[in-house]
């Protein structure tokens, strides 16, 4: 049914004869690599404590579609950002799926890891 129109997906396989992955990594080596730093949650995590403006869009909202949250980065995870606004004491849990971008008031701490 597939014919020649679409290529079937391929996945990395483990060569059990010498415990090497297809791309040259040995078994057990992948979890020993440092965490990829260019993911947005890791960038936000490295900048914990900095003042930001988080621009957020809620496409299904009737009252407001776009909102700006101002405050200090307290935590960041794979799917969320927690900001504390010291001016009013409010804490905001923002889902990453709604986050458009983040504006910093100072230099961003950023480290990129290149895998060779």
PDB file of N, CA and C in Angstrom:
ATOM      1  N   UNK A   1       0.812  -1.186   0.000  1.00  0.00           N
ATOM      2  CA  UNK A   1       0.000   0.000   0.000  1.00  0.00           C
ATOM      3  C   UNK A   1       0.864   1.262   0.000  1.00  0.00           C
ATOM      4  N   UNK A   2       2.017   1.225   0.663  1.00  0.00           N
ATOM      5  CA  UNK A   2       2.903   2.374   0.735  1.00  0.00           C
ATOM      6  C   UNK A   2       3.501   2.689  -0.628  1.00  0.00           C
ATOM      7  N   UNK A   3       3.765   1.683  -1.421  1.00  0.00           N
ATOM      8  CA  UNK A   3       4.393   1.906  -2.720  1.00  0.00           C
ATOM      9  C   UNK A   3       5.745   2.545  -2.556  1.00  0.00           C
ATOM     10  N   UNK A   4       6.056   3.487  -3.415  1.00  0.00           N
ATOM     11  CA  UNK A   4       7.327   4.196  -3.332  1.00  0.00           C
ATOM     12  C   UNK A   4       7.137   5.673  -3.014  1.00  0.00           C
ATOM     13  N   UNK A   5       5.950   6.059  -2.552  1.00  0.00           N
ATOM     14  CA  UNK A   5       5.682   7.463  -2.285  1.00  0.00           C
ATOM     15  C   UNK A   5       6.296   7.949  -0.985  1.00  0.00           C
ATOM     16  N   UNK A   6       6.179   7.177   0.063  1.00  0.00           N
ATOM     17  CA  UNK A   6       6.667   7.596   1.375  1.00  0.00           C
ATOM     18  C   UNK A   6       7.639   6.563   1.913  1.00  0.00           C
ATOM     19  N   UNK A   7       8.712   7.044   2.476  1.00  0.00           N
ATOM     20  CA  UNK A   7       9.683   6.142   3.084  1.00  0.00           C
ATOM     21  C   UNK A   7       9.214   5.786   4.485  1.00  0.00           C
ATOM     22  N   UNK A   8       9.283   4.525   4.828  1.00  0.00           N
ATOM     23  CA  UNK A   8       8.929   4.108   6.177  1.00  0.00           C
ATOM     24  C   UNK A   8       9.949   4.658   7.160  1.00  0.00           C
ATOM     25  N   UNK A   9       9.511   5.053   8.360  1.00  0.00           N
ATOM     26  CA  UNK A   9      10.462   5.596   9.341  1.00  0.00           C
ATOM     27  C   UNK A   9      11.463   4.538   9.779  1.00  0.00           C
ATOM     28  N   UNK A  10      12.676   5.016  10.089  1.00  0.00           N
ATOM     29  CA  UNK A  10      13.700   4.116  10.618  1.00  0.00           C
ATOM     30  C   UNK A  10      14.065   4.598  12.015  1.00  0.00           C
ATOM     31  N   UNK A  11      14.439   3.676  12.860  1.00  0.00           N
ATOM     32  CA  UNK A  11      14.765   3.982  14.240  1.00  0.00           C
ATOM     33  C   UNK A  11      16.143   3.430  14.561  1.00  0.00           C
ATOM     34  N   UNK A  12      16.884   4.085  15.478  1.00  0.00           N
ATOM     35  CA  UNK A  12      18.190   3.555  15.866  1.00  0.00           C
ATOM     36  C   UNK A  12      18.038   2.157  16.445  1.00  0.00           C
ATOM     37  N   UNK A  13      18.965   1.320  16.110  1.00  0.00           N
ATOM     38  CA  UNK A  13      18.922  -0.046  16.625  1.00  0.00           C
ATOM     39  C   UNK A  13      20.176  -0.317  17.439  1.00  0.00           C
ATOM     40  N   UNK A  14      20.096  -1.308  18.287  1.00  0.00           N
ATOM     41  CA  UNK A  14      21.223  -1.692  19.115  1.00  0.00           C
ATOM     42  C   UNK A  14      21.858  -2.938  18.519  1.00  0.00           C
ATOM     43  N   UNK A  15      23.149  -2.868  18.309  1.00  0.00           N
ATOM     44  CA  UNK A  15      23.901  -4.028  17.856  1.00  0.00           C
ATOM     45  C   UNK A  15      24.346  -4.771  19.106  1.00  0.00           C
ATOM     46  N   UNK A  16      23.650  -5.846  19.437  1.00  0.00           N
ATOM     47  CA  UNK A  16      23.927  -6.566  20.676  1.00  0.00           C
ATOM     48  C   UNK A  16      25.260  -7.299  20.665  1.00  0.00           C
ATOM     49  N   UNK A  17      25.863  -7.449  19.506  1.00  0.00           N
ATOM     50  CA  UNK A  17      27.112  -8.205  19.453  1.00  0.00           C
ATOM     51  C   UNK A  17      28.251  -7.467  20.147  1.00  0.00           C
ATOM     52  N   UNK A  18      28.270  -6.146  20.051  1.00  0.00           N
ATOM     53  CA  UNK A  18      29.332  -5.403  20.742  1.00  0.00           C
ATOM     54  C   UNK A  18      28.779  -4.224  21.538  1.00  0.00           C
ATOM     55  N   UNK A  19      27.479  -4.232  21.816  1.00  0.00           N
ATOM     56  CA  UNK A  19      26.820  -3.211  22.633  1.00  0.00           C
ATOM     57  C   UNK A  19      27.053  -1.793  22.115  1.00  0.00           C
ATOM     58  N   UNK A  20      27.017  -1.592  20.804  1.00  0.00           N
ATOM     59  CA  UNK A  20      27.139  -0.268  20.209  1.00  0.00           C
ATOM     60  C   UNK A  20      25.831   0.103  19.538  1.00  0.00           C
ATOM     61  N   UNK A  21      25.485   1.408  19.598  1.00  0.00           N
ATOM     62  CA  UNK A  21      24.355   1.906  18.846  1.00  0.00           C
ATOM     63  C   UNK A  21      24.796   2.119  17.409  1.00  0.00           C
ATOM     64  N   UNK A  22      23.815   2.280  16.521  1.00  0.00           N
ATOM     65  CA  UNK A  22      24.084   2.471  15.104  1.00  0.00           C
ATOM     66  C   UNK A  22      24.977   3.682  14.849  1.00  0.00           C
ATOM     67  N   UNK A  23      24.818   4.733  15.640  1.00  0.00           N
ATOM     68  CA  UNK A  23      25.581   5.956  15.407  1.00  0.00           C
ATOM     69  C   UNK A  23      26.911   5.997  16.144  1.00  0.00           C
ATOM     70  N   UNK A  24      27.340   4.893  16.750  1.00  0.00           N
ATOM     71  CA  UNK A  24      28.665   4.828  17.356  1.00  0.00           C
ATOM     72  C   UNK A  24      28.703   4.953  18.859  1.00  0.00           C
ATOM     73  N   UNK A  25      27.601   5.316  19.493  1.00  0.00           N
ATOM     74  CA  UNK A  25      27.599   5.398  20.949  1.00  0.00           C
ATOM     75  C   UNK A  25      27.530   4.006  21.542  1.00  0.00           C
ATOM     76  N   UNK A  26      28.235   3.797  22.619  1.00  0.00           N
ATOM     77  CA  UNK A  26      28.170   2.527  23.335  1.00  0.00           C
ATOM     78  C   UNK A  26      26.958   2.517  24.250  1.00  0.00           C
ATOM     79  N   UNK A  27      26.445   1.342  24.525  1.00  0.00           N
ATOM     80  CA  UNK A  27      25.313   1.217  25.440  1.00  0.00           C
ATOM     81  C   UNK A  27      25.691   1.810  26.788  1.00  0.00           C
ATOM     82  N   UNK A  28      24.782   2.592  27.382  1.00  0.00           N
ATOM     83  CA  UNK A  28      25.048   3.237  28.658  1.00  0.00           C
ATOM     84  C   UNK A  28      25.699   4.595  28.515  1.00  0.00           C
ATOM     85  N   UNK A  29      26.204   4.929  27.336  1.00  0.00           N
ATOM     86  CA  UNK A  29      26.904   6.190  27.138  1.00  0.00           C
ATOM     87  C   UNK A  29      25.935   7.361  26.955  1.00  0.00           C
ATOM     88  N   UNK A  30      24.763   7.124  26.360  1.00  0.00           N
ATOM     89  CA  UNK A  30      23.853   8.219  26.066  1.00  0.00           C
ATOM     90  C   UNK A  30      23.371   8.929  27.325  1.00  0.00           C
ATOM     91  N   UNK A  31      23.055   8.187  28.383  1.00  0.00           N
ATOM     92  CA  UNK A  31      22.592   8.853  29.597  1.00  0.00           C
ATOM     93  C   UNK A  31      23.725   9.563  30.316  1.00  0.00           C
ATOM     94  N   UNK A  32      24.977   9.290  29.968  1.00  0.00           N
ATOM     95  CA  UNK A  32      26.113   9.961  30.587  1.00  0.00           C
ATOM     96  C   UNK A  32      26.422  11.310  29.937  1.00  0.00           C
ATOM     97  N   UNK A  33      25.780  11.594  28.790  1.00  0.00           N
ATOM     98  CA  UNK A  33      26.028  12.854  28.104  1.00  0.00           C
ATOM     99  C   UNK A  33      25.358  13.993  28.863  1.00  0.00           C
ATOM    100  N   UNK A  34      25.922  15.200  28.808  1.00  0.00           N
ATOM    101  CA  UNK A  34      25.287  16.330  29.484  1.00  0.00           C
ATOM    102  C   UNK A  34      23.951  16.663  28.835  1.00  0.00           C
ATOM    103  N   UNK A  35      23.083  17.296  29.611  1.00  0.00           N
ATOM    104  CA  UNK A  35      21.771  17.671  29.120  1.00  0.00           C
ATOM    105  C   UNK A  35      21.913  18.704  28.010  1.00  0.00           C
ATOM    106  N   UNK A  36      21.129  18.570  26.942  1.00  0.00           N
ATOM    107  CA  UNK A  36      21.143  19.537  25.853  1.00  0.00           C
ATOM    108  C   UNK A  36      20.695  20.884  26.400  1.00  0.00           C
ATOM    109  N   UNK A  37      21.483  21.918  26.228  1.00  0.00           N
ATOM    110  CA  UNK A  37      21.232  23.205  26.860  1.00  0.00           C
ATOM    111  C   UNK A  37      20.391  24.151  26.011  1.00  0.00           C
ATOM    112  N   UNK A  38      20.140  23.847  24.763  1.00  0.00           N
ATOM    113  CA  UNK A  38      19.450  24.805  23.914  1.00  0.00           C
ATOM    114  C   UNK A  38      17.942  24.679  23.970  1.00  0.00           C
ATOM    115  N   UNK A  39      17.403  23.719  24.699  1.00  0.00           N
ATOM    116  CA  UNK A  39      15.959  23.653  24.863  1.00  0.00           C
ATOM    117  C   UNK A  39      15.501  24.840  25.693  1.00  0.00           C
ATOM    118  N   UNK A  40      14.329  25.364  25.374  1.00  0.00           N
ATOM    119  CA  UNK A  40      13.866  26.589  26.029  1.00  0.00           C
ATOM    120  C   UNK A  40      13.771  26.438  27.538  1.00  0.00           C
ATOM    121  N   UNK A  41      13.319  25.284  28.025  1.00  0.00           N
ATOM    122  CA  UNK A  41      13.194  25.141  29.479  1.00  0.00           C
ATOM    123  C   UNK A  41      14.555  25.188  30.166  1.00  0.00           C
ATOM    124  N   UNK A  42      15.593  24.699  29.499  1.00  0.00           N
ATOM    125  CA  UNK A  42      16.931  24.748  30.081  1.00  0.00           C
ATOM    126  C   UNK A  42      17.489  26.169  30.056  1.00  0.00           C
ATOM    127  N   UNK A  43      17.189  26.913  29.006  1.00  0.00           N
ATOM    128  CA  UNK A  43      17.615  28.307  28.949  1.00  0.00           C
ATOM    129  C   UNK A  43      16.930  29.091  30.071  1.00  0.00           C
ATOM    130  N   UNK A  44      15.632  28.871  30.246  1.00  0.00           N
ATOM    131  CA  UNK A  44      14.904  29.554  31.320  1.00  0.00           C
ATOM    132  C   UNK A  44      15.427  29.136  32.684  1.00  0.00           C
ATOM    133  N   UNK A  45      15.739  27.852  32.843  1.00  0.00           N
ATOM    134  CA  UNK A  45      16.261  27.345  34.119  1.00  0.00           C
ATOM    135  C   UNK A  45      17.604  27.992  34.451  1.00  0.00           C
ATOM    136  N   UNK A  46      18.460  28.177  33.439  1.00  0.00           N
ATOM    137  CA  UNK A  46      19.764  28.819  33.660  1.00  0.00           C
ATOM    138  C   UNK A  46      19.628  30.288  34.027  1.00  0.00           C
ATOM    139  N   UNK A  47      18.462  30.862  33.753  1.00  0.00           N
ATOM    140  CA  UNK A  47      18.245  32.281  34.025  1.00  0.00           C
ATOM    141  C   UNK A  47      17.265  32.494  35.169  1.00  0.00           C
ATOM    142  N   UNK A  48      17.176  31.510  36.056  1.00  0.00           N
ATOM    143  CA  UNK A  48      16.305  31.606  37.220  1.00  0.00           C
ATOM    144  C   UNK A  48      16.696  32.825  38.047  1.00  0.00           C
ATOM    145  N   UNK A  49      15.690  33.561  38.510  1.00  0.00           N
ATOM    146  CA  UNK A  49      15.938  34.754  39.317  1.00  0.00           C
ATOM    147  C   UNK A  49      15.971  36.040  38.520  1.00  0.00           C
ATOM    148  N   UNK A  50      15.979  35.966  37.193  1.00  0.00           N
ATOM    149  CA  UNK A  50      16.023  37.174  36.372  1.00  0.00           C
ATOM    150  C   UNK A  50      14.614  37.676  36.083  1.00  0.00           C
ATOM    151  N   UNK A  51      14.501  39.004  35.955  1.00  0.00           N
ATOM    152  CA  UNK A  51      13.216  39.623  35.629  1.00  0.00           C
ATOM    153  C   UNK A  51      12.920  39.434  34.149  1.00  0.00           C
ATOM    154  N   UNK A  52      11.680  39.048  33.866  1.00  0.00           N
ATOM    155  CA  UNK A  52      11.274  38.786  32.486  1.00  0.00           C
ATOM    156  C   UNK A  52       9.857  39.300  32.236  1.00  0.00           C
ATOM    157  N   UNK A  53       9.544  39.384  30.960  1.00  0.00           N
ATOM    158  CA  UNK A  53       8.179  39.554  30.496  1.00  0.00           C
ATOM    159  C   UNK A  53       7.891  38.350  29.604  1.00  0.00           C
ATOM    160  N   UNK A  54       6.894  37.574  29.971  1.00  0.00           N
ATOM    161  CA  UNK A  54       6.505  36.398  29.192  1.00  0.00           C
ATOM    162  C   UNK A  54       5.266  36.757  28.379  1.00  0.00           C
ATOM    163  N   UNK A  55       5.379  36.668  27.066  1.00  0.00           N
ATOM    164  CA  UNK A  55       4.277  36.970  26.163  1.00  0.00           C
ATOM    165  C   UNK A  55       3.559  35.654  25.842  1.00  0.00           C
ATOM    166  N   UNK A  56       2.269  35.633  26.144  1.00  0.00           N
ATOM    167  CA  UNK A  56       1.505  34.396  26.081  1.00  0.00           C
ATOM    168  C   UNK A  56       0.257  34.632  25.237  1.00  0.00           C
ATOM    169  N   UNK A  57      -0.119  33.636  24.417  1.00  0.00           N
ATOM    170  CA  UNK A  57      -1.342  33.697  23.615  1.00  0.00           C
ATOM    171  C   UNK A  57      -2.236  32.525  23.956  1.00  0.00           C
ATOM    172  N   UNK A  58      -3.510  32.827  24.178  1.00  0.00           N
ATOM    173  CA  UNK A  58      -4.518  31.808  24.441  1.00  0.00           C
ATOM    174  C   UNK A  58      -5.525  31.863  23.286  1.00  0.00           C
ATOM    175  N   UNK A  59      -5.362  31.022  22.274  1.00  0.00           N
ATOM    176  CA  UNK A  59      -6.172  31.146  21.055  1.00  0.00           C
ATOM    177  C   UNK A  59      -7.670  30.924  21.268  1.00  0.00           C
ATOM    178  N   UNK A  60      -8.059  30.159  22.276  1.00  0.00           N
ATOM    179  CA  UNK A  60      -9.478  29.867  22.473  1.00  0.00           C
ATOM    180  C   UNK A  60     -10.150  30.774  23.498  1.00  0.00           C
ATOM    181  N   UNK A  61      -9.436  31.736  24.048  1.00  0.00           N
ATOM    182  CA  UNK A  61     -10.007  32.611  25.072  1.00  0.00           C
ATOM    183  C   UNK A  61     -10.922  33.652  24.433  1.00  0.00           C
ATOM    184  N   UNK A  62     -12.036  33.940  25.089  1.00  0.00           N
ATOM    185  CA  UNK A  62     -12.955  34.959  24.591  1.00  0.00           C
ATOM    186  C   UNK A  62     -12.625  36.341  25.138  1.00  0.00           C
ATOM    187  N   UNK A  63     -12.250  36.413  26.421  1.00  0.00           N
ATOM    188  CA  UNK A  63     -12.008  37.705  27.058  1.00  0.00           C
ATOM    189  C   UNK A  63     -10.669  38.316  26.660  1.00  0.00           C
ATOM    190  N   UNK A  64      -9.582  37.513  26.663  1.00  0.00           N
ATOM    191  CA  UNK A  64      -8.272  38.012  26.265  1.00  0.00           C
ATOM    192  C   UNK A  64      -7.505  36.894  25.578  1.00  0.00           C
ATOM    193  N   UNK A  65      -6.960  37.219  24.455  1.00  0.00           N
ATOM    194  CA  UNK A  65      -6.193  36.223  23.698  1.00  0.00           C
ATOM    195  C   UNK A  65      -4.699  36.344  23.977  1.00  0.00           C
ATOM    196  N   UNK A  66      -4.236  37.554  24.215  1.00  0.00           N
ATOM    197  CA  UNK A  66      -2.812  37.798  24.447  1.00  0.00           C
ATOM    198  C   UNK A  66      -2.635  38.431  25.822  1.00  0.00           C
ATOM    199  N   UNK A  67      -1.615  37.972  26.528  1.00  0.00           N
ATOM    200  CA  UNK A  67      -1.365  38.479  27.877  1.00  0.00           C
ATOM    201  C   UNK A  67       0.140  38.544  28.105  1.00  0.00           C
ATOM    202  N   UNK A  68       0.563  39.491  28.907  1.00  0.00           N
ATOM    203  CA  UNK A  68       1.973  39.628  29.270  1.00  0.00           C
ATOM    204  C   UNK A  68       2.080  39.424  30.776  1.00  0.00           C
ATOM    205  N   UNK A  69       2.934  38.478  31.174  1.00  0.00           N
ATOM    206  CA  UNK A  69       3.199  38.231  32.584  1.00  0.00           C
ATOM    207  C   UNK A  69       4.581  38.784  32.895  1.00  0.00           C
ATOM    208  N   UNK A  70       4.669  39.641  33.910  1.00  0.00           N
ATOM    209  CA  UNK A  70       5.952  40.214  34.306  1.00  0.00           C
ATOM    210  C   UNK A  70       6.330  39.695  35.678  1.00  0.00           C
ATOM    211  N   UNK A  71       7.608  39.424  35.858  1.00  0.00           N
ATOM    212  CA  UNK A  71       8.078  38.969  37.153  1.00  0.00           C
ATOM    213  C   UNK A  71       9.430  38.300  37.050  1.00  0.00           C
ATOM    214  N   UNK A  72       9.725  37.500  38.046  1.00  0.00           N
ATOM    215  CA  UNK A  72      11.006  36.812  38.163  1.00  0.00           C
ATOM    216  C   UNK A  72      10.813  35.328  37.890  1.00  0.00           C
ATOM    217  N   UNK A  73      11.721  34.753  37.117  1.00  0.00           N
ATOM    218  CA  UNK A  73      11.658  33.310  36.857  1.00  0.00           C
ATOM    219  C   UNK A  73      11.967  32.563  38.148  1.00  0.00           C
ATOM    220  N   UNK A  74      11.028  31.742  38.576  1.00  0.00           N
ATOM    221  CA  UNK A  74      11.220  30.918  39.769  1.00  0.00           C
ATOM    222  C   UNK A  74      11.592  29.494  39.398  1.00  0.00           C
ATOM    223  N   UNK A  75      10.907  28.931  38.426  1.00  0.00           N
ATOM    224  CA  UNK A  75      11.170  27.559  37.971  1.00  0.00           C
ATOM    225  C   UNK A  75      10.785  27.450  36.506  1.00  0.00           C
ATOM    226  N   UNK A  76      11.366  26.465  35.834  1.00  0.00           N
ATOM    227  CA  UNK A  76      10.982  26.156  34.460  1.00  0.00           C
ATOM    228  C   UNK A  76      11.089  24.655  34.281  1.00  0.00           C
ATOM    229  N   UNK A  77      10.112  24.091  33.626  1.00  0.00           N
ATOM    230  CA  UNK A  77      10.107  22.666  33.340  1.00  0.00           C
ATOM    231  C   UNK A  77       9.860  22.440  31.870  1.00  0.00           C
ATOM    232  N   UNK A  78       9.775  21.198  31.502  1.00  0.00           N
ATOM    233  CA  UNK A  78       9.575  20.846  30.100  1.00  0.00           C
ATOM    234  C   UNK A  78       8.296  21.462  29.534  1.00  0.00           C
ATOM    235  N   UNK A  79       7.254  21.561  30.352  1.00  0.00           N
ATOM    236  CA  UNK A  79       5.976  22.039  29.843  1.00  0.00           C
ATOM    237  C   UNK A  79       5.441  23.268  30.568  1.00  0.00           C
ATOM    238  N   UNK A  80       6.229  23.883  31.444  1.00  0.00           N
ATOM    239  CA  UNK A  80       5.714  25.011  32.206  1.00  0.00           C
ATOM    240  C   UNK A  80       6.810  25.994  32.608  1.00  0.00           C
ATOM    241  N   UNK A  81       6.362  27.188  32.956  1.00  0.00           N
ATOM    242  CA  UNK A  81       7.222  28.250  33.459  1.00  0.00           C
ATOM    243  C   UNK A  81       6.508  28.857  34.665  1.00  0.00           C
ATOM    244  N   UNK A  82       7.236  29.040  35.760  1.00  0.00           N
ATOM    245  CA  UNK A  82       6.664  29.659  36.951  1.00  0.00           C
ATOM    246  C   UNK A  82       7.338  31.012  37.146  1.00  0.00           C
ATOM    247  N   UNK A  83       6.503  32.053  37.189  1.00  0.00           N
ATOM    248  CA  UNK A  83       6.971  33.427  37.367  1.00  0.00           C
ATOM    249  C   UNK A  83       6.327  33.993  38.626  1.00  0.00           C
ATOM    250  N   UNK A  84       7.126  34.725  39.416  1.00  0.00           N
ATOM    251  CA  UNK A  84       6.621  35.414  40.605  1.00  0.00           C
ATOM    252  C   UNK A  84       6.691  36.912  40.347  1.00  0.00           C
ATOM    253  N   UNK A  85       5.577  37.581  40.554  1.00  0.00           N
ATOM    254  CA  UNK A  85       5.538  39.029  40.383  1.00  0.00           C
ATOM    255  C   UNK A  85       5.713  39.685  41.752  1.00  0.00           C
ATOM    256  N   UNK A  86       6.900  40.251  42.044  1.00  0.00           N
ATOM    257  CA  UNK A  86       7.151  40.824  43.360  1.00  0.00           C
ATOM    258  C   UNK A  86       6.320  42.072  43.651  1.00  0.00           C
ATOM    259  N   UNK A  87       5.789  42.719  42.628  1.00  0.00           N
ATOM    260  CA  UNK A  87       5.011  43.944  42.857  1.00  0.00           C
ATOM    261  C   UNK A  87       3.654  43.655  43.488  1.00  0.00           C
ATOM    262  N   UNK A  88       3.083  42.471  43.205  1.00  0.00           N
ATOM    263  CA  UNK A  88       1.779  42.156  43.787  1.00  0.00           C
ATOM    264  C   UNK A  88       1.762  40.820  44.539  1.00  0.00           C
ATOM    265  N   UNK A  89       2.892  40.111  44.551  1.00  0.00           N
ATOM    266  CA  UNK A  89       2.972  38.841  45.272  1.00  0.00           C
ATOM    267  C   UNK A  89       2.326  37.663  44.564  1.00  0.00           C
ATOM    268  N   UNK A  90       1.870  37.848  43.333  1.00  0.00           N
ATOM    269  CA  UNK A  90       1.234  36.756  42.595  1.00  0.00           C
ATOM    270  C   UNK A  90       2.277  35.829  41.972  1.00  0.00           C
ATOM    271  N   UNK A  91       1.896  34.567  41.889  1.00  0.00           N
ATOM    272  CA  UNK A  91       2.714  33.551  41.224  1.00  0.00           C
ATOM    273  C   UNK A  91       1.926  33.064  40.016  1.00  0.00           C
ATOM    274  N   UNK A  92       2.614  32.860  38.893  1.00  0.00           N
ATOM    275  CA  UNK A  92       1.947  32.431  37.671  1.00  0.00           C
ATOM    276  C   UNK A  92       2.564  31.133  37.170  1.00  0.00           C
ATOM    277  N   UNK A  93       1.727  30.176  36.882  1.00  0.00           N
ATOM    278  CA  UNK A  93       2.139  28.921  36.245  1.00  0.00           C
ATOM    279  C   UNK A  93       1.687  29.015  34.801  1.00  0.00           C
ATOM    280  N   UNK A  94       2.641  29.098  33.884  1.00  0.00           N
ATOM    281  CA  UNK A  94       2.350  29.296  32.470  1.00  0.00           C
ATOM    282  C   UNK A  94       2.729  28.031  31.705  1.00  0.00           C
ATOM    283  N   UNK A  95       1.797  27.503  30.952  1.00  0.00           N
ATOM    284  CA  UNK A  95       2.095  26.324  30.136  1.00  0.00           C
ATOM    285  C   UNK A  95       2.894  26.745  28.910  1.00  0.00           C
ATOM    286  N   UNK A  96       3.932  25.981  28.583  1.00  0.00           N
ATOM    287  CA  UNK A  96       4.820  26.321  27.463  1.00  0.00           C
ATOM    288  C   UNK A  96       4.081  26.361  26.130  1.00  0.00           C
ATOM    289  N   UNK A  97       3.002  25.587  25.994  1.00  0.00           N
ATOM    290  CA  UNK A  97       2.290  25.577  24.708  1.00  0.00           C
ATOM    291  C   UNK A  97       1.680  26.941  24.398  1.00  0.00           C
ATOM    292  N   UNK A  98       1.463  27.774  25.418  1.00  0.00           N
ATOM    293  CA  UNK A  98       0.896  29.098  25.206  1.00  0.00           C
ATOM    294  C   UNK A  98       1.960  30.195  25.145  1.00  0.00           C
ATOM    295  N   UNK A  99       3.193  29.863  25.480  1.00  0.00           N
ATOM    296  CA  UNK A  99       4.273  30.850  25.532  1.00  0.00           C
ATOM    297  C   UNK A  99       4.743  31.202  24.128  1.00  0.00           C
ATOM    298  N   UNK A 100       4.702  32.496  23.799  1.00  0.00           N
ATOM    299  CA  UNK A 100       5.187  32.960  22.503  1.00  0.00           C
ATOM    300  C   UNK A 100       6.678  33.275  22.573  1.00  0.00           C
ATOM    301  N   UNK A 101       7.037  34.134  23.516  1.00  0.00           N
ATOM    302  CA  UNK A 101       8.449  34.451  23.712  1.00  0.00           C
ATOM    303  C   UNK A 101       8.640  35.097  25.070  1.00  0.00           C
ATOM    304  N   UNK A 102       9.902  35.209  25.482  1.00  0.00           N
ATOM    305  CA  UNK A 102      10.249  35.794  26.777  1.00  0.00           C
ATOM    306  C   UNK A 102      11.224  36.928  26.527  1.00  0.00           C
ATOM    307  N   UNK A 103      10.958  38.056  27.155  1.00  0.00           N
ATOM    308  CA  UNK A 103      11.827  39.223  27.040  1.00  0.00           C
ATOM    309  C   UNK A 103      12.553  39.409  28.369  1.00  0.00           C
ATOM    310  N   UNK A 104      13.884  39.479  28.297  1.00  0.00           N
ATOM    311  CA  UNK A 104      14.714  39.647  29.491  1.00  0.00           C
ATOM    312  C   UNK A 104      15.136  41.096  29.621  1.00  0.00           C
ATOM    313  N   UNK A 105      15.335  41.539  30.853  1.00  0.00           N
ATOM    314  CA  UNK A 105      15.804  42.903  31.106  1.00  0.00           C
ATOM    315  C   UNK A 105      17.322  42.955  31.251  1.00  0.00           C
ATOM    316  N   UNK A 106      17.965  41.802  31.198  1.00  0.00           N
ATOM    317  CA  UNK A 106      19.432  41.750  31.300  1.00  0.00           C
ATOM    318  C   UNK A 106      19.951  40.627  30.410  1.00  0.00           C
ATOM    319  N   UNK A 107      21.254  40.502  30.352  1.00  0.00           N
ATOM    320  CA  UNK A 107      21.888  39.495  29.491  1.00  0.00           C
ATOM    321  C   UNK A 107      21.424  38.084  29.862  1.00  0.00           C
ATOM    322  N   UNK A 108      21.196  37.283  28.848  1.00  0.00           N
ATOM    323  CA  UNK A 108      20.732  35.906  29.037  1.00  0.00           C
ATOM    324  C   UNK A 108      21.931  34.976  29.214  1.00  0.00           C
ATOM    325  N   UNK A 109      21.864  34.109  30.218  1.00  0.00           N
ATOM    326  CA  UNK A 109      22.858  33.047  30.374  1.00  0.00           C
ATOM    327  C   UNK A 109      22.501  31.947  29.398  1.00  0.00           C
ATOM    328  N   UNK A 110      23.443  31.612  28.515  1.00  0.00           N
ATOM    329  CA  UNK A 110      23.159  30.616  27.478  1.00  0.00           C
ATOM    330  C   UNK A 110      24.407  29.802  27.207  1.00  0.00           C
ATOM    331  N   UNK A 111      24.262  28.497  27.280  1.00  0.00           N
ATOM    332  CA  UNK A 111      25.360  27.589  26.960  1.00  0.00           C
ATOM    333  C   UNK A 111      24.837  26.565  25.979  1.00  0.00           C
ATOM    334  N   UNK A 112      25.519  26.419  24.857  1.00  0.00           N
ATOM    335  CA  UNK A 112      25.106  25.442  23.860  1.00  0.00           C
ATOM    336  C   UNK A 112      26.125  24.313  23.822  1.00  0.00           C
ATOM    337  N   UNK A 113      25.631  23.108  23.743  1.00  0.00           N
ATOM    338  CA  UNK A 113      26.499  21.942  23.639  1.00  0.00           C
ATOM    339  C   UNK A 113      26.362  21.376  22.238  1.00  0.00           C
ATOM    340  N   UNK A 114      27.476  21.193  21.576  1.00  0.00           N
ATOM    341  CA  UNK A 114      27.462  20.591  20.247  1.00  0.00           C
ATOM    342  C   UNK A 114      27.955  19.163  20.333  1.00  0.00           C
ATOM    343  N   UNK A 115      27.145  18.233  19.859  1.00  0.00           N
ATOM    344  CA  UNK A 115      27.549  16.847  19.824  1.00  0.00           C
ATOM    345  C   UNK A 115      28.207  16.576  18.481  1.00  0.00           C
ATOM    346  N   UNK A 116      29.367  15.971  18.516  1.00  0.00           N
ATOM    347  CA  UNK A 116      30.099  15.684  17.277  1.00  0.00           C
ATOM    348  C   UNK A 116      29.940  14.229  16.925  1.00  0.00           C
TER     349      UNK A 116
END
